[in-house]
Amino acid sequence: MTVEKGLHQVGNLDVVVINRGEREGIAPGTVMAIYKRGGKIRDRVTGESVLLPDERAGVLMVFRVFDKVSLGLVLEAYRGISVSDYVQNP
């Protein structure tokens, strides 16, 4: 997911670009969930590295679709959404 004008954070009613389009079956009106990747932490008891689950960060609706990319409008942002976040079906 990227944002125009070089921004790194987005919120409600911002337009984002996603790297999925018609060839992946995306159509205008498609609603997708935005997820933040889970981080790695160190378990204090065992000392092992633990991968945290991904967290849902918001919802977007696709309004313009091209062959390889789409434009989406962020409808809800539960927490800060950044360029490195990803989208998938809710």
Protein backbone atom coordinates (compact mmCIF):
# COMPACT_ATOMS: atom_id res chain seq x y z
CA MET A 1 0.00 0.00 0.00
CA THR A 2 1.33 3.45 -0.88
CA VAL A 3 0.10 7.00 -0.56
CA GLU A 4 0.41 9.93 -2.94
CA LYS A 5 2.61 12.94 -2.10
CA GLY A 6 5.19 10.88 -0.20
CA LEU A 7 3.19 10.53 3.02
CA HIS A 8 3.95 7.66 5.38
CA GLN A 9 0.82 7.67 7.58
CA VAL A 10 -2.84 7.75 6.53
CA GLY A 11 -6.18 8.06 8.28
CA ASN A 12 -9.91 8.31 7.59
CA LEU A 13 -10.91 9.45 4.08
CA ASP A 14 -7.36 9.29 2.67
CA VAL A 15 -6.78 7.76 -0.76
CA VAL A 16 -4.28 4.91 -1.00
CA VAL A 17 -2.84 2.88 -3.86
CA ILE A 18 -2.74 -0.91 -3.57
CA ASN A 19 -0.76 -3.24 -5.79
CA ARG A 20 -3.74 -5.40 -6.79
CA GLY A 21 -6.03 -4.81 -9.77
CA GLU A 22 -8.33 -6.43 -12.31
CA ARG A 23 -5.99 -9.34 -12.90
CA GLU A 24 -6.44 -10.34 -9.22
CA GLY A 25 -10.23 -9.95 -9.43
CA ILE A 26 -10.53 -6.57 -7.69
CA ALA A 27 -13.58 -4.53 -8.76
CA PRO A 28 -14.86 -1.06 -7.85
CA GLY A 29 -16.83 -1.24 -4.61
CA THR A 30 -14.71 -4.04 -3.14
CA VAL A 31 -14.31 -3.57 0.62
CA MET A 32 -10.99 -4.71 2.09
CA ALA A 33 -9.53 -4.81 5.59
CA ILE A 34 -6.20 -3.14 6.33
CA TYR A 35 -3.78 -5.09 8.55
CA LYS A 36 -0.58 -4.19 10.40
CA ARG A 37 2.03 -6.93 10.48
CA GLY A 38 2.71 -8.44 13.86
CA GLY A 39 6.11 -7.76 15.35
CA LYS A 40 8.64 -10.06 16.95
CA ILE A 41 9.20 -10.00 20.66
CA ARG A 42 11.37 -12.00 22.98
CA ASP A 43 9.63 -14.32 25.44
CA ARG A 44 10.89 -13.40 28.92
CA VAL A 45 10.45 -16.94 30.24
CA THR A 46 11.93 -19.08 27.47
CA GLY A 47 14.09 -16.45 25.76
CA GLU A 48 12.76 -17.49 22.35
CA SER A 49 11.59 -15.08 19.66
CA VAL A 50 7.79 -15.00 19.30
CA LEU A 51 5.90 -13.62 16.28
CA LEU A 52 2.81 -11.61 17.27
CA PRO A 53 -0.36 -11.95 15.16
CA ASP A 54 -1.29 -9.33 12.56
CA GLU A 55 -3.74 -6.67 13.78
CA ARG A 56 -6.63 -5.15 11.87
CA ALA A 57 -6.00 -1.43 11.45
CA GLY A 58 -8.89 -0.27 9.29
CA VAL A 59 -11.20 -0.72 6.31
CA LEU A 60 -11.01 0.64 2.77
CA MET A 61 -13.23 0.60 -0.30
CA VAL A 62 -11.79 0.34 -3.79
CA PHE A 63 -13.18 3.04 -6.09
CA ARG A 64 -10.92 2.86 -9.16
CA VAL A 65 -9.35 -0.27 -10.67
CA PHE A 66 -6.63 -0.65 -13.27
CA ASP A 67 -4.97 -3.82 -14.56
CA LYS A 68 -2.25 -4.02 -11.88
CA VAL A 69 -3.16 -1.36 -9.27
CA SER A 70 -6.25 0.06 -7.57
CA LEU A 71 -7.19 3.20 -5.69
CA GLY A 72 -8.98 2.86 -2.37
CA LEU A 73 -10.60 5.22 0.11
CA VAL A 74 -9.90 4.56 3.79
CA LEU A 75 -13.33 4.39 5.43
CA GLU A 76 -12.23 3.55 8.98
CA ALA A 77 -8.85 3.72 10.69
CA TYR A 78 -8.70 2.08 14.13
CA ARG A 79 -5.02 2.94 14.59
CA GLY A 80 -2.28 4.61 12.56
CA ILE A 81 -2.05 3.13 9.07
CA SER A 82 1.32 3.19 7.36
CA VAL A 83 2.65 2.47 3.90
CA SER A 84 3.97 -0.98 4.85
CA ASP A 85 0.53 -2.28 5.92
CA TYR A 86 -1.33 -4.73 3.71
CA VAL A 87 -4.94 -5.34 2.63
CA GLN A 88 -7.00 -8.48 2.26
CA ASN A 89 -10.64 -9.54 2.26
CA PRO A 90 -12.21 -9.02 5.70
